[in-house]
């Protein structure tokens, strides 16, 4: 239902909107994987592990685009 509504409501939307939506979805997936696949880090660090992983990934991408 959500995919159908999104396709209907966002028909003709600019590419930047789709980039933003996909970026948020990718960040959520990366955070979820970090919290699930790194159980010891999650146990010791709590909920900050996922956000830390995402921040590190974004920093790496940012510095990669500078060069």
PDB file of N, CA and C in Angstrom:
ATOM      1  N   UNK A   1       0.828  -1.192   0.000  1.00  0.00           N
ATOM      2  CA  UNK A   1       0.000   0.000   0.000  1.00  0.00           C
ATOM      3  C   UNK A   1       0.872   1.255   0.000  1.00  0.00           C
ATOM      4  N   UNK A   2       1.918   1.234   0.841  1.00  0.00           N
ATOM      5  CA  UNK A   2       2.820   2.385   0.915  1.00  0.00           C
ATOM      6  C   UNK A   2       3.548   2.632  -0.393  1.00  0.00           C
ATOM      7  N   UNK A   3       3.974   1.558  -1.053  1.00  0.00           N
ATOM      8  CA  UNK A   3       4.676   1.713  -2.328  1.00  0.00           C
ATOM      9  C   UNK A   3       3.742   2.279  -3.395  1.00  0.00           C
ATOM     10  N   UNK A   4       2.517   1.829  -3.394  1.00  0.00           N
ATOM     11  CA  UNK A   4       1.540   2.338  -4.361  1.00  0.00           C
ATOM     12  C   UNK A   4       1.233   3.810  -4.134  1.00  0.00           C
ATOM     13  N   UNK A   5       1.055   4.185  -2.867  1.00  0.00           N
ATOM     14  CA  UNK A   5       0.801   5.591  -2.552  1.00  0.00           C
ATOM     15  C   UNK A   5       1.997   6.465  -2.903  1.00  0.00           C
ATOM     16  N   UNK A   6       3.197   5.969  -2.577  1.00  0.00           N
ATOM     17  CA  UNK A   6       4.400   6.732  -2.895  1.00  0.00           C
ATOM     18  C   UNK A   6       4.559   6.932  -4.390  1.00  0.00           C
ATOM     19  N   UNK A   7       4.310   5.890  -5.160  1.00  0.00           N
ATOM     20  CA  UNK A   7       4.427   5.996  -6.613  1.00  0.00           C
ATOM     21  C   UNK A   7       3.411   6.967  -7.184  1.00  0.00           C
ATOM     22  N   UNK A   8       2.223   6.980  -6.608  1.00  0.00           N
ATOM     23  CA  UNK A   8       1.174   7.879  -7.091  1.00  0.00           C
ATOM     24  C   UNK A   8       1.433   9.323  -6.678  1.00  0.00           C
ATOM     25  N   UNK A   9       1.753   9.528  -5.412  1.00  0.00           N
ATOM     26  CA  UNK A   9       1.929  10.879  -4.896  1.00  0.00           C
ATOM     27  C   UNK A   9       3.224  11.545  -5.358  1.00  0.00           C
ATOM     28  N   UNK A  10       4.251  10.753  -5.608  1.00  0.00           N
ATOM     29  CA  UNK A  10       5.543  11.317  -5.992  1.00  0.00           C
ATOM     30  C   UNK A  10       5.800  11.259  -7.490  1.00  0.00           C
ATOM     31  N   UNK A  11       4.769  11.014  -8.250  1.00  0.00           N
ATOM     32  CA  UNK A  11       4.926  10.970  -9.699  1.00  0.00           C
ATOM     33  C   UNK A  11       5.322  12.356 -10.201  1.00  0.00           C
ATOM     34  N   UNK A  12       6.419  12.436 -10.899  1.00  0.00           N
ATOM     35  CA  UNK A  12       6.908  13.708 -11.414  1.00  0.00           C
ATOM     36  C   UNK A  12       7.703  14.516 -10.403  1.00  0.00           C
ATOM     37  N   UNK A  13       8.014  13.948  -9.245  1.00  0.00           N
ATOM     38  CA  UNK A  13       8.810  14.655  -8.238  1.00  0.00           C
ATOM     39  C   UNK A  13      10.260  14.756  -8.715  1.00  0.00           C
ATOM     40  N   UNK A  14      10.985  15.780  -8.273  1.00  0.00           N
ATOM     41  CA  UNK A  14      12.387  15.915  -8.702  1.00  0.00           C
ATOM     42  C   UNK A  14      13.266  14.788  -8.141  1.00  0.00           C
ATOM     43  N   UNK A  15      14.379  14.553  -8.813  1.00  0.00           N
ATOM     44  CA  UNK A  15      15.291  13.474  -8.421  1.00  0.00           C
ATOM     45  C   UNK A  15      15.866  13.682  -7.026  1.00  0.00           C
ATOM     46  N   UNK A  16      15.975  14.920  -6.573  1.00  0.00           N
ATOM     47  CA  UNK A  16      16.532  15.162  -5.240  1.00  0.00           C
ATOM     48  C   UNK A  16      15.640  14.583  -4.145  1.00  0.00           C
ATOM     49  N   UNK A  17      14.344  14.566  -4.363  1.00  0.00           N
ATOM     50  CA  UNK A  17      13.424  13.966  -3.384  1.00  0.00           C
ATOM     51  C   UNK A  17      13.685  12.471  -3.278  1.00  0.00           C
ATOM     52  N   UNK A  18      13.847  11.815  -4.420  1.00  0.00           N
ATOM     53  CA  UNK A  18      14.120  10.378  -4.410  1.00  0.00           C
ATOM     54  C   UNK A  18      15.488  10.079  -3.788  1.00  0.00           C
ATOM     55  N   UNK A  19      16.467  10.918  -4.037  1.00  0.00           N
ATOM     56  CA  UNK A  19      17.790  10.736  -3.426  1.00  0.00           C
ATOM     57  C   UNK A  19      17.697  10.861  -1.908  1.00  0.00           C
ATOM     58  N   UNK A  20      16.923  11.814  -1.427  1.00  0.00           N
ATOM     59  CA  UNK A  20      16.748  11.988   0.011  1.00  0.00           C
ATOM     60  C   UNK A  20      16.058  10.777   0.631  1.00  0.00           C
ATOM     61  N   UNK A  21      15.000  10.301   0.000  1.00  0.00           N
ATOM     62  CA  UNK A  21      14.265   9.140   0.516  1.00  0.00           C
ATOM     63  C   UNK A  21      15.160   7.904   0.540  1.00  0.00           C
ATOM     64  N   UNK A  22      15.906   7.669  -0.530  1.00  0.00           N
ATOM     65  CA  UNK A  22      16.787   6.507  -0.580  1.00  0.00           C
ATOM     66  C   UNK A  22      17.935   6.635   0.417  1.00  0.00           C
ATOM     67  N   UNK A  23      18.415   7.853   0.633  1.00  0.00           N
ATOM     68  CA  UNK A  23      19.477   8.067   1.611  1.00  0.00           C
ATOM     69  C   UNK A  23      19.024   7.765   3.027  1.00  0.00           C
ATOM     70  N   UNK A  24      17.816   8.185   3.360  1.00  0.00           N
ATOM     71  CA  UNK A  24      17.266   7.896   4.691  1.00  0.00           C
ATOM     72  C   UNK A  24      17.074   6.391   4.864  1.00  0.00           C
ATOM     73  N   UNK A  25      16.571   5.734   3.826  1.00  0.00           N
ATOM     74  CA  UNK A  25      16.364   4.287   3.896  1.00  0.00           C
ATOM     75  C   UNK A  25      17.694   3.546   4.040  1.00  0.00           C
ATOM     76  N   UNK A  26      18.715   3.983   3.317  1.00  0.00           N
ATOM     77  CA  UNK A  26      20.031   3.337   3.416  1.00  0.00           C
ATOM     78  C   UNK A  26      20.629   3.548   4.799  1.00  0.00           C
ATOM     79  N   UNK A  27      20.476   4.743   5.352  1.00  0.00           N
ATOM     80  CA  UNK A  27      20.980   5.002   6.698  1.00  0.00           C
ATOM     81  C   UNK A  27      20.282   4.149   7.738  1.00  0.00           C
ATOM     82  N   UNK A  28      18.980   3.980   7.589  1.00  0.00           N
ATOM     83  CA  UNK A  28      18.231   3.138   8.521  1.00  0.00           C
ATOM     84  C   UNK A  28      18.679   1.687   8.428  1.00  0.00           C
ATOM     85  N   UNK A  29      18.913   1.210   7.209  1.00  0.00           N
ATOM     86  CA  UNK A  29      19.383  -0.170   7.037  1.00  0.00           C
ATOM     87  C   UNK A  29      20.769  -0.364   7.631  1.00  0.00           C
ATOM     88  N   UNK A  30      21.669   0.588   7.400  1.00  0.00           N
ATOM     89  CA  UNK A  30      23.026   0.491   7.942  1.00  0.00           C
ATOM     90  C   UNK A  30      22.995   0.494   9.464  1.00  0.00           C
ATOM     91  N   UNK A  31      22.167   1.352  10.051  1.00  0.00           N
ATOM     92  CA  UNK A  31      22.048   1.408  11.506  1.00  0.00           C
ATOM     93  C   UNK A  31      21.496   0.108  12.064  1.00  0.00           C
ATOM     94  N   UNK A  32      20.474  -0.448  11.410  1.00  0.00           N
ATOM     95  CA  UNK A  32      19.884  -1.697  11.862  1.00  0.00           C
ATOM     96  C   UNK A  32      20.889  -2.846  11.783  1.00  0.00           C
ATOM     97  N   UNK A  33      21.638  -2.917  10.695  1.00  0.00           N
ATOM     98  CA  UNK A  33      22.629  -3.974  10.530  1.00  0.00           C
ATOM     99  C   UNK A  33      23.721  -3.840  11.587  1.00  0.00           C
ATOM    100  N   UNK A  34      24.165  -2.626  11.860  1.00  0.00           N
ATOM    101  CA  UNK A  34      25.214  -2.428  12.860  1.00  0.00           C
ATOM    102  C   UNK A  34      24.744  -2.872  14.238  1.00  0.00           C
ATOM    103  N   UNK A  35      23.509  -2.553  14.593  1.00  0.00           N
ATOM    104  CA  UNK A  35      23.013  -2.933  15.915  1.00  0.00           C
ATOM    105  C   UNK A  35      22.735  -4.424  16.018  1.00  0.00           C
ATOM    106  N   UNK A  36      22.417  -5.067  14.896  1.00  0.00           N
ATOM    107  CA  UNK A  36      22.112  -6.496  14.914  1.00  0.00           C
ATOM    108  C   UNK A  36      23.367  -7.351  14.782  1.00  0.00           C
ATOM    109  N   UNK A  37      24.274  -6.953  13.910  1.00  0.00           N
ATOM    110  CA  UNK A  37      25.435  -7.781  13.609  1.00  0.00           C
ATOM    111  C   UNK A  37      26.620  -7.536  14.542  1.00  0.00           C
ATOM    112  N   UNK A  38      26.564  -6.511  15.344  1.00  0.00           N
ATOM    113  CA  UNK A  38      27.640  -6.229  16.290  1.00  0.00           C
ATOM    114  C   UNK A  38      27.084  -6.309  17.712  1.00  0.00           C
ATOM    115  N   UNK A  39      26.678  -7.505  18.160  1.00  0.00           N
ATOM    116  CA  UNK A  39      25.978  -7.601  19.443  1.00  0.00           C
ATOM    117  C   UNK A  39      26.824  -7.180  20.638  1.00  0.00           C
ATOM    118  N   UNK A  40      28.120  -7.478  20.625  1.00  0.00           N
ATOM    119  CA  UNK A  40      28.960  -7.084  21.760  1.00  0.00           C
ATOM    120  C   UNK A  40      29.078  -5.568  21.853  1.00  0.00           C
ATOM    121  N   UNK A  41      29.254  -4.916  20.718  1.00  0.00           N
ATOM    122  CA  UNK A  41      29.324  -3.460  20.706  1.00  0.00           C
ATOM    123  C   UNK A  41      27.994  -2.861  21.150  1.00  0.00           C
ATOM    124  N   UNK A  42      26.894  -3.436  20.700  1.00  0.00           N
ATOM    125  CA  UNK A  42      25.576  -2.934  21.094  1.00  0.00           C
ATOM    126  C   UNK A  42      25.349  -3.162  22.586  1.00  0.00           C
ATOM    127  N   UNK A  43      25.819  -4.306  23.101  1.00  0.00           N
ATOM    128  CA  UNK A  43      25.655  -4.608  24.519  1.00  0.00           C
ATOM    129  C   UNK A  43      26.437  -3.616  25.379  1.00  0.00           C
ATOM    130  N   UNK A  44      27.660  -3.285  24.961  1.00  0.00           N
ATOM    131  CA  UNK A  44      28.494  -2.370  25.748  1.00  0.00           C
ATOM    132  C   UNK A  44      28.161  -0.906  25.495  1.00  0.00           C
ATOM    133  N   UNK A  45      27.777  -0.563  24.268  1.00  0.00           N
ATOM    134  CA  UNK A  45      27.576   0.836  23.923  1.00  0.00           C
ATOM    135  C   UNK A  45      26.133   1.289  23.883  1.00  0.00           C
ATOM    136  N   UNK A  46      25.210   0.363  23.769  1.00  0.00           N
ATOM    137  CA  UNK A  46      23.799   0.744  23.712  1.00  0.00           C
ATOM    138  C   UNK A  46      23.395   1.241  22.333  1.00  0.00           C
ATOM    139  N   UNK A  47      22.375   2.073  22.324  1.00  0.00           N
ATOM    140  CA  UNK A  47      21.803   2.550  21.069  1.00  0.00           C
ATOM    141  C   UNK A  47      22.696   3.468  20.271  1.00  0.00           C
ATOM    142  N   UNK A  48      23.768   3.958  20.875  1.00  0.00           N
ATOM    143  CA  UNK A  48      24.652   4.879  20.170  1.00  0.00           C
ATOM    144  C   UNK A  48      25.512   4.160  19.124  1.00  0.00           C
ATOM    145  N   UNK A  49      25.569   2.841  19.176  1.00  0.00           N
ATOM    146  CA  UNK A  49      26.400   2.073  18.240  1.00  0.00           C
ATOM    147  C   UNK A  49      25.925   2.260  16.809  1.00  0.00           C
ATOM    148  N   UNK A  50      24.636   2.175  16.576  1.00  0.00           N
ATOM    149  CA  UNK A  50      24.103   2.321  15.223  1.00  0.00           C
ATOM    150  C   UNK A  50      24.356   3.708  14.666  1.00  0.00           C
ATOM    151  N   UNK A  51      24.109   4.731  15.475  1.00  0.00           N
ATOM    152  CA  UNK A  51      24.333   6.107  15.031  1.00  0.00           C
ATOM    153  C   UNK A  51      25.816   6.360  14.807  1.00  0.00           C
ATOM    154  N   UNK A  52      26.673   5.787  15.644  1.00  0.00           N
ATOM    155  CA  UNK A  52      28.121   5.945  15.473  1.00  0.00           C
ATOM    156  C   UNK A  52      28.586   5.309  14.168  1.00  0.00           C
ATOM    157  N   UNK A  53      28.073   4.138  13.876  1.00  0.00           N
ATOM    158  CA  UNK A  53      28.430   3.461  12.634  1.00  0.00           C
ATOM    159  C   UNK A  53      27.989   4.277  11.435  1.00  0.00           C
ATOM    160  N   UNK A  54      26.767   4.772  11.488  1.00  0.00           N
ATOM    161  CA  UNK A  54      26.254   5.588  10.398  1.00  0.00           C
ATOM    162  C   UNK A  54      27.068   6.865  10.239  1.00  0.00           C
ATOM    163  N   UNK A  55      27.424   7.509  11.333  1.00  0.00           N
ATOM    164  CA  UNK A  55      28.229   8.733  11.274  1.00  0.00           C
ATOM    165  C   UNK A  55      29.605   8.465  10.665  1.00  0.00           C
ATOM    166  N   UNK A  56      30.215   7.372  11.057  1.00  0.00           N
ATOM    167  CA  UNK A  56      31.507   7.003  10.486  1.00  0.00           C
ATOM    168  C   UNK A  56      31.416   6.729   9.000  1.00  0.00           C
ATOM    169  N   UNK A  57      30.366   6.048   8.590  1.00  0.00           N
ATOM    170  CA  UNK A  57      30.175   5.768   7.172  1.00  0.00           C
ATOM    171  C   UNK A  57      29.980   7.055   6.387  1.00  0.00           C
ATOM    172  N   UNK A  58      29.148   7.963   6.917  1.00  0.00           N
ATOM    173  CA  UNK A  58      28.919   9.227   6.233  1.00  0.00           C
ATOM    174  C   UNK A  58      30.189  10.080   6.158  1.00  0.00           C
ATOM    175  N   UNK A  59      30.990  10.044   7.203  1.00  0.00           N
ATOM    176  CA  UNK A  59      32.261  10.771   7.193  1.00  0.00           C
ATOM    177  C   UNK A  59      33.184  10.188   6.117  1.00  0.00           C
ATOM    178  N   UNK A  60      33.231   8.867   6.009  1.00  0.00           N
ATOM    179  CA  UNK A  60      34.078   8.230   4.995  1.00  0.00           C
ATOM    180  C   UNK A  60      33.623   8.612   3.592  1.00  0.00           C
ATOM    181  N   UNK A  61      32.323   8.613   3.352  1.00  0.00           N
ATOM    182  CA  UNK A  61      31.798   8.995   2.048  1.00  0.00           C
ATOM    183  C   UNK A  61      32.109  10.462   1.755  1.00  0.00           C
ATOM    184  N   UNK A  62      31.943  11.314   2.778  1.00  0.00           N
ATOM    185  CA  UNK A  62      32.212  12.739   2.607  1.00  0.00           C
ATOM    186  C   UNK A  62      33.675  12.982   2.230  1.00  0.00           C
ATOM    187  N   UNK A  63      34.597  12.354   2.964  1.00  0.00           N
ATOM    188  CA  UNK A  63      36.014  12.567   2.665  1.00  0.00           C
ATOM    189  C   UNK A  63      36.422  11.935   1.347  1.00  0.00           C
ATOM    190  N   UNK A  64      35.733  10.880   0.951  1.00  0.00           N
ATOM    191  CA  UNK A  64      36.017  10.260  -0.339  1.00  0.00           C
ATOM    192  C   UNK A  64      35.599  11.177  -1.477  1.00  0.00           C
ATOM    193  N   UNK A  65      34.530  11.941  -1.311  1.00  0.00           N
ATOM    194  CA  UNK A  65      34.085  12.838  -2.366  1.00  0.00           C
ATOM    195  C   UNK A  65      34.968  14.087  -2.472  1.00  0.00           C
ATOM    196  N   UNK A  66      35.723  14.426  -1.429  1.00  0.00           N
ATOM    197  CA  UNK A  66      36.608  15.590  -1.459  1.00  0.00           C
ATOM    198  C   UNK A  66      37.801  15.365  -2.385  1.00  0.00           C
ATOM    199  N   UNK A  67      38.255  14.123  -2.436  1.00  0.00           N
ATOM    200  CA  UNK A  67      39.488  13.830  -3.185  1.00  0.00           C
ATOM    201  C   UNK A  67      39.294  13.560  -4.583  1.00  0.00           C
TER     202      UNK A  67
END
